[in-house]
Amino acid sequence: FKVCRLPNAPPKVDPTSVALLLPKAGSVTAFVEPTADGSCILFAGRSETDDDPVLNPSSNLTATVEALETRFPLLEGCDFQDMAKQLSTQKGGAASSVKCNVYHCEGTALVGDAAHATGGVSGQGVNSALLDSKALA
């Protein structure tokens, strides 16, 4: 995954909530999260070794700008050139995984962040804890 910071929320996205943007093409998805000073976009894909221009931009940023514009129309109005520059300066990150020997013991169960690796988007840990609790009830 890689992250871009924007001074404002994209005009076509609700600035008060997290939005999942599915691409028109390709395997990279985007999560737009509001922040105190604008918004943050997390781009997540399948493989860091992939030749995808969003997660692995070349020195020529034109392909990255074109990929962002065509794949994510809801980001229209954003500075795609700046986003491409931000993506080109980052090494891709990888999501972690949680592996426990035991997830429950004597009526107690691990839920939420303790049992799942989450990407850090607002509320994912508590949301998974609530869903886990519902499934166990």
Protein backbone atom coordinates (compact mmCIF):
# COMPACT_ATOMS: atom_id res chain seq x y z
CA PHE A 1 0.00 0.00 0.00
CA LYS A 2 0.93 3.65 -0.39
CA VAL A 3 -0.56 6.85 1.02
CA CYS A 4 -1.23 10.30 -0.44
CA ARG A 5 -2.08 13.34 1.64
CA LEU A 6 -4.44 15.97 0.22
CA PRO A 7 -5.14 19.47 1.55
CA ASN A 8 -8.90 18.91 1.05
CA ALA A 9 -11.26 16.01 0.54
CA PRO A 10 -11.89 15.14 -3.11
CA PRO A 11 -14.94 17.18 -4.25
CA LYS A 12 -17.00 14.10 -5.20
CA VAL A 13 -16.37 12.27 -1.89
CA ASP A 14 -18.13 12.87 1.45
CA PRO A 15 -15.57 14.79 3.56
CA THR A 16 -16.99 13.41 6.82
CA SER A 17 -16.66 9.66 6.28
CA VAL A 18 -14.29 7.00 5.00
CA ALA A 19 -14.95 6.07 1.37
CA LEU A 20 -13.91 2.95 -0.51
CA LEU A 21 -13.17 3.69 -4.17
CA LEU A 22 -13.18 0.67 -6.44
CA PRO A 23 -11.16 1.15 -9.62
CA LYS A 24 -12.65 1.11 -13.11
CA ALA A 25 -9.65 -1.08 -14.07
CA GLY A 26 -6.69 -2.68 -12.35
CA SER A 27 -6.40 -4.29 -8.93
CA VAL A 28 -5.56 -1.24 -6.81
CA THR A 29 -8.34 0.08 -4.56
CA ALA A 30 -8.40 3.36 -2.66
CA PHE A 31 -9.69 4.35 0.76
CA VAL A 32 -10.26 8.07 1.30
CA GLU A 33 -10.16 9.07 4.96
CA PRO A 34 -10.88 12.55 6.32
CA THR A 35 -8.15 14.04 8.51
CA ALA A 36 -7.90 17.19 10.63
CA ASP A 37 -5.98 18.96 7.85
CA GLY A 38 -7.55 17.58 4.66
CA SER A 39 -7.73 13.94 3.72
CA CYS A 40 -5.59 10.91 3.22
CA ILE A 41 -5.88 8.29 0.48
CA LEU A 42 -4.61 4.78 1.07
CA PHE A 43 -3.96 2.89 -2.18
CA ALA A 44 -3.87 -0.85 -1.67
CA GLY A 45 -3.08 -3.54 -4.22
CA ARG A 46 -2.11 -7.16 -4.53
CA SER A 47 1.61 -7.09 -5.10
CA GLU A 48 4.51 -4.74 -4.52
CA THR A 49 6.34 -6.42 -7.43
CA ASP A 50 3.46 -5.69 -9.79
CA ASP A 51 4.20 -3.21 -12.59
CA ASP A 52 1.06 -1.22 -11.72
CA PRO A 53 1.68 2.51 -12.34
CA VAL A 54 -0.20 3.52 -9.16
CA LEU A 55 1.71 1.40 -6.65
CA ASN A 56 4.98 1.30 -8.60
CA PRO A 57 5.31 4.51 -10.59
CA SER A 58 8.25 4.89 -12.95
CA SER A 59 10.36 8.03 -13.22
CA ASN A 60 7.95 9.19 -15.94
CA LEU A 61 4.88 10.08 -13.88
CA THR A 62 2.57 10.51 -16.89
CA ALA A 63 1.42 6.87 -16.70
CA THR A 64 0.65 7.25 -13.00
CA VAL A 65 -1.35 10.44 -13.56
CA GLU A 66 -3.30 8.78 -16.40
CA ALA A 67 -3.96 5.66 -14.31
CA LEU A 68 -5.27 7.73 -11.38
CA GLU A 69 -7.51 9.85 -13.64
CA THR A 70 -9.04 6.91 -15.52
CA ARG A 71 -9.33 4.41 -12.67
CA PHE A 72 -10.68 6.72 -9.98
CA PRO A 73 -13.18 9.21 -11.49
CA LEU A 74 -14.40 10.14 -7.99
CA LEU A 75 -10.99 11.74 -7.40
CA GLU A 76 -11.68 14.27 -10.16
CA GLY A 77 -10.67 17.72 -8.95
CA CYS A 78 -7.60 16.44 -7.09
CA ASP A 79 -4.06 17.34 -8.07
CA PHE A 80 -3.11 14.08 -9.83
CA GLN A 81 0.39 15.34 -10.60
CA ASP A 82 1.07 15.92 -6.89
CA MET A 83 -0.42 12.53 -6.02
CA ALA A 84 1.85 10.84 -8.59
CA LYS A 85 4.88 12.61 -7.09
CA GLN A 86 3.90 11.48 -3.58
CA LEU A 87 3.45 7.88 -4.76
CA SER A 88 6.81 7.91 -6.56
CA THR A 89 8.71 8.88 -3.39
CA GLN A 90 7.35 6.08 -1.22
CA LYS A 91 8.35 2.49 -0.83
CA GLY A 92 5.27 0.28 -0.78
CA GLY A 93 4.10 -1.02 2.56
CA ALA A 94 2.54 -4.37 3.31
CA ALA A 95 -0.33 -5.24 5.60
CA SER A 96 0.59 -7.33 8.58
CA SER A 97 -1.13 -10.47 9.69
CA VAL A 98 -2.09 -11.72 13.12
CA LYS A 99 -1.35 -15.35 13.91
CA CYS A 100 -2.26 -16.61 17.36
CA ASN A 101 -1.87 -20.09 18.78
CA VAL A 102 -5.16 -19.67 20.64
CA TYR A 103 -7.99 -17.25 19.87
CA HIS A 104 -10.19 -18.25 22.83
CA CYS A 105 -9.79 -19.67 26.33
CA GLU A 106 -12.27 -20.35 29.13
CA GLY A 107 -15.08 -18.15 27.83
CA THR A 108 -12.84 -15.32 26.62
CA ALA A 109 -12.13 -14.62 22.96
CA LEU A 110 -9.81 -12.29 21.08
CA VAL A 111 -11.75 -9.90 18.85
CA GLY A 112 -11.04 -6.80 16.77
CA ASP A 113 -7.41 -5.64 16.49
CA ALA A 114 -6.29 -8.45 18.79
CA ALA A 115 -7.51 -11.07 16.33
CA HIS A 116 -7.26 -9.30 12.95
CA ALA A 117 -4.67 -7.23 11.15
CA THR A 118 -6.34 -4.01 10.04
CA GLY A 119 -5.14 -1.34 7.68
CA GLY A 120 -5.60 1.51 10.11
CA VAL A 121 -8.54 3.15 8.39
CA SER A 122 -10.81 4.83 10.95
CA GLY A 123 -12.66 2.41 13.13
CA GLN A 124 -11.63 -0.84 11.45
CA GLY A 125 -10.53 -2.43 14.73
CA VAL A 126 -13.71 -1.59 16.61
CA ASN A 127 -15.85 -2.51 13.60
CA SER A 128 -14.25 -5.94 13.38
CA ALA A 129 -14.64 -6.35 17.17
CA LEU A 130 -18.37 -5.64 16.89
CA LEU A 131 -18.77 -8.06 13.97
CA ASP A 132 -16.73 -10.71 15.81
CA SER A 133 -18.90 -10.28 18.91
CA LYS A 134 -22.08 -10.61 16.86
CA ALA A 135 -20.74 -13.77 15.18
CA LEU A 136 -19.83 -15.29 18.55
CA ALA A 137 -23.12 -14.35 20.24
